[in-house]
Structure formats: C-alpha cells, structure tokens
C-alpha cells in the first residue's frame, strides 16, 4: 500500500466510503507505527548518559504527548475549516485535505529522522560515548 492510500480510497469510494474501505490502510499504518515507535525511543535515548536517563525519558514522553496532541488539534483545524456546508461532498473534501496534510507531516518526520543517532545504546556495560558505566553502590545486609 502506498503512503496516500487513504486519499486514494476516499477518491475511489466517494460518498460510499465505509469502515471496511479504510480498514486495510489503517491496519498497515498501525503496524508501521508499532514497528517504529519502540525502536525510535531507544534510538532517541542512545546519546543520553546513564545518570540522565530518568530525566531524559520524562522529557521524551512529555514532548511525545504534546506533539501528538498538537498534531491531532492541527489536523482537526484543517478538517473543520475545510468542511464548509457539511454536505457529503464537503466531508469528503475535508477528509482528503486532512489525509494529504497527514502525508505531508509523515514526509517531514521521515526527513527529520536522518538527524537521529544511527544506533541505539550498545550494551548495558557502556555509557553514551562508549565509556564504562560506574556501578551503583549496593547495600548488603546480613
């Protein structure tokens, strides 16, 4: 399936678009996001020193949540500004423009991905720059 299959599905189905028409592209998109998000977080955290991991992961989750909320709100603005009179043709046009905006955002995310580190953290025994991690003291009681 191509990146613009939502758009193609909407053009082919017209006013008769149903959940079944969008099911295939949505499943492919969901599988793709599932395959990307977990490794993406590992890669984004690759350059972080071990003692900064907690703070960095909190910032990463916050930025992720904020970005997703802002993206949904922005796509909602596009959809409702294009909706117009609320007729079926207006819904299809607004949905097509929203799908095109989503494809544009995906292309931008793809381009930005080249700035990420090439690898995730190597092993648990080395830090961000290959330096050995210091073991935390362990309290042993008898």
N, C-alpha and C. Protein backbone atom coordinates (compact mmCIF):
# COMPACT_ATOMS: atom_id res chain seq x y z
N UNK A 1 0.83 -1.17 0.00
CA UNK A 1 0.00 0.00 0.00
C UNK A 1 0.88 1.24 0.00
N UNK A 2 0.52 2.19 -0.79
CA UNK A 2 1.28 3.42 -0.88
C UNK A 2 0.92 4.34 0.27
N UNK A 3 1.75 5.37 0.45
CA UNK A 3 1.55 6.30 1.54
C UNK A 3 0.21 7.02 1.43
N UNK A 4 -0.28 7.28 0.25
CA UNK A 4 -1.51 8.03 0.06
C UNK A 4 -2.74 7.17 -0.12
N UNK A 5 -2.76 5.94 0.39
CA UNK A 5 -3.89 5.06 0.16
C UNK A 5 -5.19 5.53 0.79
N UNK A 6 -5.12 6.27 1.92
CA UNK A 6 -6.35 6.83 2.47
C UNK A 6 -6.96 7.77 1.44
N UNK A 7 -6.11 8.60 0.85
CA UNK A 7 -6.58 9.56 -0.15
C UNK A 7 -7.16 8.82 -1.36
N UNK A 8 -6.46 7.80 -1.84
CA UNK A 8 -6.95 7.02 -2.98
C UNK A 8 -8.23 6.28 -2.66
N UNK A 9 -8.33 5.75 -1.46
CA UNK A 9 -9.55 5.05 -1.04
C UNK A 9 -10.72 6.02 -1.03
N UNK A 10 -10.51 7.22 -0.52
CA UNK A 10 -11.59 8.21 -0.48
C UNK A 10 -12.03 8.61 -1.88
N UNK A 11 -11.08 8.76 -2.78
CA UNK A 11 -11.45 9.12 -4.16
C UNK A 11 -12.20 7.99 -4.85
N UNK A 12 -11.78 6.74 -4.61
CA UNK A 12 -12.43 5.60 -5.27
C UNK A 12 -13.81 5.32 -4.70
N UNK A 13 -13.96 5.42 -3.38
CA UNK A 13 -15.23 5.07 -2.75
C UNK A 13 -16.23 6.22 -2.80
N UNK A 14 -15.74 7.45 -2.86
CA UNK A 14 -16.63 8.60 -2.91
C UNK A 14 -17.49 8.69 -1.67
N UNK A 15 -18.77 8.99 -1.86
CA UNK A 15 -19.70 9.15 -0.74
C UNK A 15 -20.02 7.80 -0.08
N UNK A 16 -19.70 6.70 -0.75
CA UNK A 16 -19.99 5.39 -0.20
C UNK A 16 -18.87 4.81 0.63
N UNK A 17 -17.94 5.64 1.10
CA UNK A 17 -16.82 5.14 1.89
C UNK A 17 -17.34 4.55 3.20
N UNK A 18 -16.78 3.41 3.55
CA UNK A 18 -17.20 2.74 4.79
C UNK A 18 -15.97 2.40 5.62
N UNK A 19 -16.22 1.87 6.80
CA UNK A 19 -15.13 1.45 7.67
C UNK A 19 -14.30 0.37 7.00
N UNK A 20 -14.95 -0.53 6.29
CA UNK A 20 -14.24 -1.61 5.61
C UNK A 20 -13.27 -1.07 4.56
N UNK A 21 -13.64 0.04 3.90
CA UNK A 21 -12.76 0.65 2.90
C UNK A 21 -11.48 1.19 3.53
N UNK A 22 -11.58 1.70 4.74
CA UNK A 22 -10.43 2.30 5.40
C UNK A 22 -9.68 1.32 6.29
N UNK A 23 -10.23 0.14 6.50
CA UNK A 23 -9.64 -0.82 7.42
C UNK A 23 -8.22 -1.25 7.00
N UNK A 24 -8.02 -1.58 5.74
CA UNK A 24 -6.70 -2.02 5.25
C UNK A 24 -5.63 -0.96 5.45
N UNK A 25 -5.85 0.28 4.95
CA UNK A 25 -4.83 1.31 5.18
C UNK A 25 -4.59 1.61 6.65
N UNK A 26 -5.63 1.53 7.48
CA UNK A 26 -5.44 1.80 8.91
C UNK A 26 -4.65 0.69 9.60
N UNK A 27 -4.86 -0.56 9.20
CA UNK A 27 -4.09 -1.66 9.78
C UNK A 27 -2.62 -1.54 9.39
N UNK A 28 -2.36 -1.26 8.13
CA UNK A 28 -0.97 -1.08 7.67
C UNK A 28 -0.31 0.07 8.41
N UNK A 29 -1.02 1.18 8.55
CA UNK A 29 -0.48 2.33 9.28
C UNK A 29 -0.21 2.01 10.74
N UNK A 30 -1.11 1.28 11.38
CA UNK A 30 -0.93 0.90 12.78
C UNK A 30 0.25 -0.03 12.98
N UNK A 31 0.41 -0.98 12.09
CA UNK A 31 1.56 -1.89 12.18
C UNK A 31 2.86 -1.10 11.98
N UNK A 32 2.85 -0.20 11.03
CA UNK A 32 4.05 0.63 10.79
C UNK A 32 4.40 1.48 12.00
N UNK A 33 3.40 2.10 12.63
CA UNK A 33 3.69 2.91 13.82
C UNK A 33 4.17 2.06 14.97
N UNK A 34 3.60 0.88 15.13
CA UNK A 34 4.06 -0.02 16.18
C UNK A 34 5.50 -0.47 15.98
N UNK A 35 5.89 -0.64 14.72
CA UNK A 35 7.26 -1.06 14.42
C UNK A 35 8.26 0.08 14.56
N UNK A 36 7.77 1.33 14.55
CA UNK A 36 8.66 2.48 14.59
C UNK A 36 8.82 3.06 15.99
N UNK A 37 7.74 3.18 16.75
CA UNK A 37 7.81 3.94 18.00
C UNK A 37 8.74 3.34 19.05
N UNK A 38 8.70 2.04 19.27
CA UNK A 38 9.57 1.45 20.30
C UNK A 38 11.05 1.62 19.95
N UNK A 39 11.49 1.24 18.75
CA UNK A 39 12.90 1.47 18.42
C UNK A 39 13.26 2.96 18.38
N UNK A 40 12.30 3.80 17.99
CA UNK A 40 12.58 5.23 17.91
C UNK A 40 12.93 5.79 19.28
N UNK A 41 12.24 5.37 20.32
CA UNK A 41 12.55 5.85 21.66
C UNK A 41 13.92 5.35 22.10
N UNK A 42 14.27 4.12 21.77
CA UNK A 42 15.60 3.61 22.10
C UNK A 42 16.69 4.40 21.38
N UNK A 43 16.47 4.70 20.13
CA UNK A 43 17.45 5.45 19.34
C UNK A 43 17.56 6.88 19.84
N UNK A 44 16.42 7.49 20.17
CA UNK A 44 16.45 8.87 20.67
C UNK A 44 17.18 8.97 22.00
N UNK A 45 17.17 7.91 22.78
CA UNK A 45 17.83 7.92 24.08
C UNK A 45 19.27 7.43 24.00
N UNK A 46 19.75 7.10 22.82
CA UNK A 46 21.08 6.50 22.66
C UNK A 46 22.21 7.39 23.15
N UNK A 47 22.12 8.68 22.96
CA UNK A 47 23.21 9.57 23.33
C UNK A 47 23.13 10.10 24.75
N UNK A 48 22.19 9.61 25.53
CA UNK A 48 21.99 10.11 26.89
C UNK A 48 22.86 9.33 27.87
N UNK A 49 23.51 10.04 28.76
CA UNK A 49 24.33 9.37 29.79
C UNK A 49 23.41 8.65 30.78
N UNK A 50 23.89 7.55 31.33
CA UNK A 50 23.04 6.75 32.22
C UNK A 50 22.44 7.52 33.40
N UNK A 51 23.19 8.46 33.98
CA UNK A 51 22.65 9.18 35.13
C UNK A 51 21.60 10.22 34.73
N UNK A 52 21.43 10.47 33.44
CA UNK A 52 20.43 11.42 32.95
C UNK A 52 19.23 10.73 32.31
N UNK A 53 19.21 9.42 32.31
CA UNK A 53 18.16 8.66 31.63
C UNK A 53 16.76 8.96 32.16
N UNK A 54 16.60 9.05 33.47
CA UNK A 54 15.28 9.29 34.04
C UNK A 54 14.70 10.62 33.58
N UNK A 55 15.49 11.67 33.67
CA UNK A 55 15.03 13.00 33.25
C UNK A 55 14.75 13.02 31.75
N UNK A 56 15.66 12.44 30.98
CA UNK A 56 15.52 12.45 29.52
C UNK A 56 14.28 11.67 29.08
N UNK A 57 14.00 10.54 29.71
CA UNK A 57 12.83 9.77 29.31
C UNK A 57 11.55 10.51 29.66
N UNK A 58 11.55 11.24 30.79
CA UNK A 58 10.39 12.05 31.13
C UNK A 58 10.15 13.17 30.12
N UNK A 59 11.24 13.83 29.72
CA UNK A 59 11.12 14.89 28.71
C UNK A 59 10.65 14.30 27.38
N UNK A 60 11.18 13.14 27.00
CA UNK A 60 10.78 12.49 25.75
C UNK A 60 9.30 12.16 25.75
N UNK A 61 8.79 11.60 26.85
CA UNK A 61 7.37 11.27 26.93
C UNK A 61 6.50 12.53 26.90
N UNK A 62 6.94 13.59 27.56
CA UNK A 62 6.19 14.84 27.57
C UNK A 62 6.13 15.45 26.18
N UNK A 63 7.27 15.51 25.51
CA UNK A 63 7.31 16.07 24.16
C UNK A 63 6.47 15.20 23.20
N UNK A 64 6.53 13.89 23.36
CA UNK A 64 5.74 12.99 22.53
C UNK A 64 4.24 13.25 22.72
N UNK A 65 3.80 13.34 23.96
CA UNK A 65 2.38 13.59 24.24
C UNK A 65 1.94 14.95 23.72
N UNK A 66 2.76 15.97 23.96
CA UNK A 66 2.44 17.31 23.49
C UNK A 66 2.38 17.37 21.97
N UNK A 67 3.31 16.71 21.31
CA UNK A 67 3.35 16.71 19.84
C UNK A 67 2.14 15.99 19.26
N UNK A 68 1.78 14.86 19.86
CA UNK A 68 0.62 14.13 19.35
C UNK A 68 -0.66 14.93 19.54
N UNK A 69 -0.81 15.59 20.69
CA UNK A 69 -1.99 16.41 20.95
C UNK A 69 -2.06 17.59 19.98
N UNK A 70 -0.92 18.24 19.78
CA UNK A 70 -0.87 19.38 18.86
C UNK A 70 -1.16 18.93 17.43
N UNK A 71 -0.64 17.76 17.04
CA UNK A 71 -0.90 17.25 15.70
C UNK A 71 -2.37 16.94 15.47
N UNK A 72 -3.00 16.29 16.43
CA UNK A 72 -4.43 15.98 16.31
C UNK A 72 -5.24 17.27 16.25
N UNK A 73 -4.90 18.24 17.09
CA UNK A 73 -5.61 19.52 17.07
C UNK A 73 -5.42 20.24 15.73
N UNK A 74 -4.19 20.23 15.22
CA UNK A 74 -3.93 20.87 13.93
C UNK A 74 -4.67 20.21 12.78
N UNK A 75 -4.69 18.89 12.77
CA UNK A 75 -5.44 18.18 11.72
C UNK A 75 -6.94 18.42 11.87
N UNK A 76 -7.41 18.55 13.11
CA UNK A 76 -8.82 18.88 13.34
C UNK A 76 -9.16 20.26 12.80
N UNK A 77 -8.24 21.21 12.99
CA UNK A 77 -8.46 22.56 12.44
C UNK A 77 -8.55 22.50 10.92
N UNK A 78 -7.66 21.74 10.30
CA UNK A 78 -7.71 21.61 8.83
C UNK A 78 -9.04 21.00 8.41
N UNK A 79 -9.44 19.92 9.07
CA UNK A 79 -10.68 19.23 8.70
C UNK A 79 -11.88 20.16 8.83
N UNK A 80 -12.03 20.81 9.99
CA UNK A 80 -13.23 21.61 10.21
C UNK A 80 -13.22 22.92 9.44
N UNK A 81 -12.04 23.45 9.09
CA UNK A 81 -12.00 24.65 8.26
C UNK A 81 -12.35 24.31 6.81
N UNK A 82 -12.07 23.09 6.37
CA UNK A 82 -12.39 22.67 5.00
C UNK A 82 -13.80 22.10 4.88
N UNK A 83 -14.44 21.82 6.01
CA UNK A 83 -15.73 21.14 6.00
C UNK A 83 -16.80 21.93 5.27
N UNK A 84 -16.85 23.21 5.48
CA UNK A 84 -17.81 24.03 4.76
C UNK A 84 -19.24 23.77 5.19
N UNK A 85 -20.09 23.46 4.21
CA UNK A 85 -21.53 23.37 4.45
C UNK A 85 -21.96 22.11 5.18
N UNK A 86 -21.13 21.12 5.25
CA UNK A 86 -21.48 19.90 5.96
C UNK A 86 -22.14 18.85 5.08
N UNK A 87 -22.20 19.09 3.77
CA UNK A 87 -22.74 18.07 2.87
C UNK A 87 -21.71 16.95 2.70
N UNK A 88 -22.14 15.84 2.11
CA UNK A 88 -21.25 14.70 1.90
C UNK A 88 -20.00 15.11 1.13
N UNK A 89 -20.18 15.90 0.09
CA UNK A 89 -19.02 16.34 -0.70
C UNK A 89 -18.05 17.15 0.16
N UNK A 90 -18.58 17.95 1.08
CA UNK A 90 -17.73 18.73 1.99
C UNK A 90 -16.93 17.83 2.92
N UNK A 91 -17.58 16.77 3.41
CA UNK A 91 -16.88 15.82 4.28
C UNK A 91 -15.76 15.12 3.52
N UNK A 92 -16.04 14.70 2.30
CA UNK A 92 -15.01 14.00 1.51
C UNK A 92 -13.85 14.92 1.19
N UNK A 93 -14.14 16.15 0.82
CA UNK A 93 -13.08 17.11 0.52
C UNK A 93 -12.25 17.39 1.76
N UNK A 94 -12.91 17.61 2.89
CA UNK A 94 -12.19 17.89 4.13
C UNK A 94 -11.34 16.69 4.54
N UNK A 95 -11.86 15.49 4.37
CA UNK A 95 -11.12 14.28 4.72
C UNK A 95 -9.91 14.11 3.81
N UNK A 96 -10.09 14.39 2.52
CA UNK A 96 -8.97 14.28 1.59
C UNK A 96 -7.86 15.28 1.93
N UNK A 97 -8.22 16.52 2.25
CA UNK A 97 -7.21 17.51 2.60
C UNK A 97 -6.51 17.15 3.91
N UNK A 98 -7.27 16.60 4.85
CA UNK A 98 -6.66 16.17 6.11
C UNK A 98 -5.71 15.00 5.88
N UNK A 99 -6.09 14.07 5.01
CA UNK A 99 -5.21 12.94 4.69
C UNK A 99 -3.93 13.44 4.00
N UNK A 100 -4.05 14.41 3.11
CA UNK A 100 -2.87 14.97 2.45
C UNK A 100 -1.97 15.69 3.45
N UNK A 101 -2.56 16.41 4.40
CA UNK A 101 -1.76 17.07 5.44
C UNK A 101 -1.03 16.03 6.29
N UNK A 102 -1.70 14.92 6.58
CA UNK A 102 -1.06 13.85 7.36
C UNK A 102 0.11 13.26 6.59
N UNK A 103 -0.05 13.06 5.30
CA UNK A 103 1.04 12.54 4.48
C UNK A 103 2.22 13.52 4.47
N UNK A 104 1.92 14.82 4.41
CA UNK A 104 2.98 15.82 4.48
C UNK A 104 3.74 15.79 5.80
N UNK A 105 3.00 15.62 6.89
CA UNK A 105 3.65 15.52 8.20
C UNK A 105 4.48 14.25 8.31
N UNK A 106 4.01 13.16 7.75
CA UNK A 106 4.80 11.92 7.74
C UNK A 106 6.08 12.08 6.94
N UNK A 107 6.00 12.78 5.81
CA UNK A 107 7.19 13.03 4.99
C UNK A 107 8.19 13.90 5.76
N UNK A 108 7.70 14.90 6.48
CA UNK A 108 8.58 15.75 7.29
C UNK A 108 9.24 14.94 8.40
N UNK A 109 8.48 14.06 9.05
CA UNK A 109 9.05 13.21 10.10
C UNK A 109 10.11 12.28 9.53
N UNK A 110 9.88 11.77 8.33
CA UNK A 110 10.86 10.91 7.68
C UNK A 110 12.16 11.67 7.44
N UNK A 111 12.05 12.93 6.99
CA UNK A 111 13.25 13.73 6.72
C UNK A 111 14.00 14.04 8.01
N UNK A 112 13.29 14.33 9.08
CA UNK A 112 13.92 14.66 10.36
C UNK A 112 14.59 13.42 10.97
N UNK A 113 14.10 12.25 10.65
CA UNK A 113 14.64 11.01 11.23
C UNK A 113 16.12 10.81 10.90
N UNK A 114 16.61 11.44 9.85
CA UNK A 114 18.02 11.29 9.49
C UNK A 114 18.95 12.01 10.46
N UNK A 115 18.41 12.87 11.32
CA UNK A 115 19.22 13.55 12.33
C UNK A 115 19.39 12.71 13.59
N UNK A 116 18.67 11.61 13.70
CA UNK A 116 18.77 10.75 14.88
C UNK A 116 20.08 9.96 14.85
N UNK A 117 20.53 9.52 16.02
CA UNK A 117 21.72 8.66 16.02
C UNK A 117 21.46 7.40 15.20
N UNK A 118 22.50 6.82 14.66
CA UNK A 118 22.37 5.65 13.80
C UNK A 118 22.04 4.37 14.56
N UNK A 119 22.42 4.32 15.83
CA UNK A 119 22.21 3.10 16.61
C UNK A 119 21.64 3.43 17.98
N UNK A 120 20.98 2.46 18.54
CA UNK A 120 20.54 2.57 19.93
C UNK A 120 21.73 2.28 20.83
N UNK A 121 21.54 2.41 22.10
CA UNK A 121 22.59 2.13 23.08
C UNK A 121 23.13 0.73 22.87
N UNK A 122 24.44 0.58 22.83
CA UNK A 122 25.07 -0.71 22.51
C UNK A 122 24.76 -1.79 23.53
N UNK A 123 25.34 -1.67 24.71
CA UNK A 123 25.13 -2.68 25.75
C UNK A 123 24.91 -1.97 27.07
N UNK A 124 24.49 -2.72 28.04
CA UNK A 124 24.28 -2.15 29.37
C UNK A 124 25.60 -1.82 30.04
N UNK A 125 26.72 -2.31 29.53
CA UNK A 125 28.01 -2.10 30.17
C UNK A 125 28.73 -0.84 29.76
N UNK A 126 28.23 -0.13 28.74
CA UNK A 126 28.90 1.08 28.31
C UNK A 126 27.94 2.24 28.33
N UNK A 127 28.49 3.44 28.51
CA UNK A 127 27.69 4.65 28.54
C UNK A 127 27.49 5.21 27.14
N UNK A 128 27.09 6.48 27.09
CA UNK A 128 26.73 7.11 25.83
C UNK A 128 27.90 7.20 24.87
N UNK A 129 29.09 7.51 25.36
CA UNK A 129 30.23 7.69 24.47
C UNK A 129 31.17 6.49 24.53
N UNK A 130 30.66 5.33 24.92
CA UNK A 130 31.48 4.15 24.99
C UNK A 130 32.24 4.02 26.29
N UNK A 131 32.06 5.01 27.19
CA UNK A 131 32.76 4.92 28.47
C UNK A 131 32.06 3.92 29.39
N UNK A 132 32.82 3.23 30.22
CA UNK A 132 32.19 2.25 31.10
C UNK A 132 31.30 2.93 32.13
N UNK A 133 30.16 2.31 32.41
CA UNK A 133 29.27 2.83 33.43
C UNK A 133 29.84 2.52 34.80
N UNK A 134 29.60 3.41 35.73
CA UNK A 134 30.00 3.16 37.12
C UNK A 134 28.87 2.41 37.80
N UNK A 135 29.22 1.36 38.47
CA UNK A 135 28.21 0.60 39.19
C UNK A 135 27.75 1.38 40.41
N UNK A 136 26.46 1.32 40.66
CA UNK A 136 25.90 1.98 41.84
C UNK A 136 26.26 1.13 43.05
N UNK A 137 26.55 1.80 44.18
CA UNK A 137 26.86 1.02 45.38
C UNK A 137 25.63 0.23 45.83
N UNK A 138 25.86 -0.96 46.29
CA UNK A 138 24.79 -1.82 46.74
C UNK A 138 24.98 -2.07 48.23
N UNK A 139 23.92 -1.85 48.99
CA UNK A 139 23.97 -2.08 50.42
C UNK A 139 23.66 -3.56 50.69
N UNK A 140 24.60 -4.25 51.30
CA UNK A 140 24.41 -5.64 51.61
C UNK A 140 24.27 -5.78 53.13
N UNK A 141 23.19 -6.37 53.55
CA UNK A 141 22.99 -6.59 55.00
C UNK A 141 22.97 -8.08 55.28
N UNK A 142 23.44 -8.40 56.47
CA UNK A 142 23.46 -9.82 56.86
C UNK A 142 22.66 -10.04 58.09
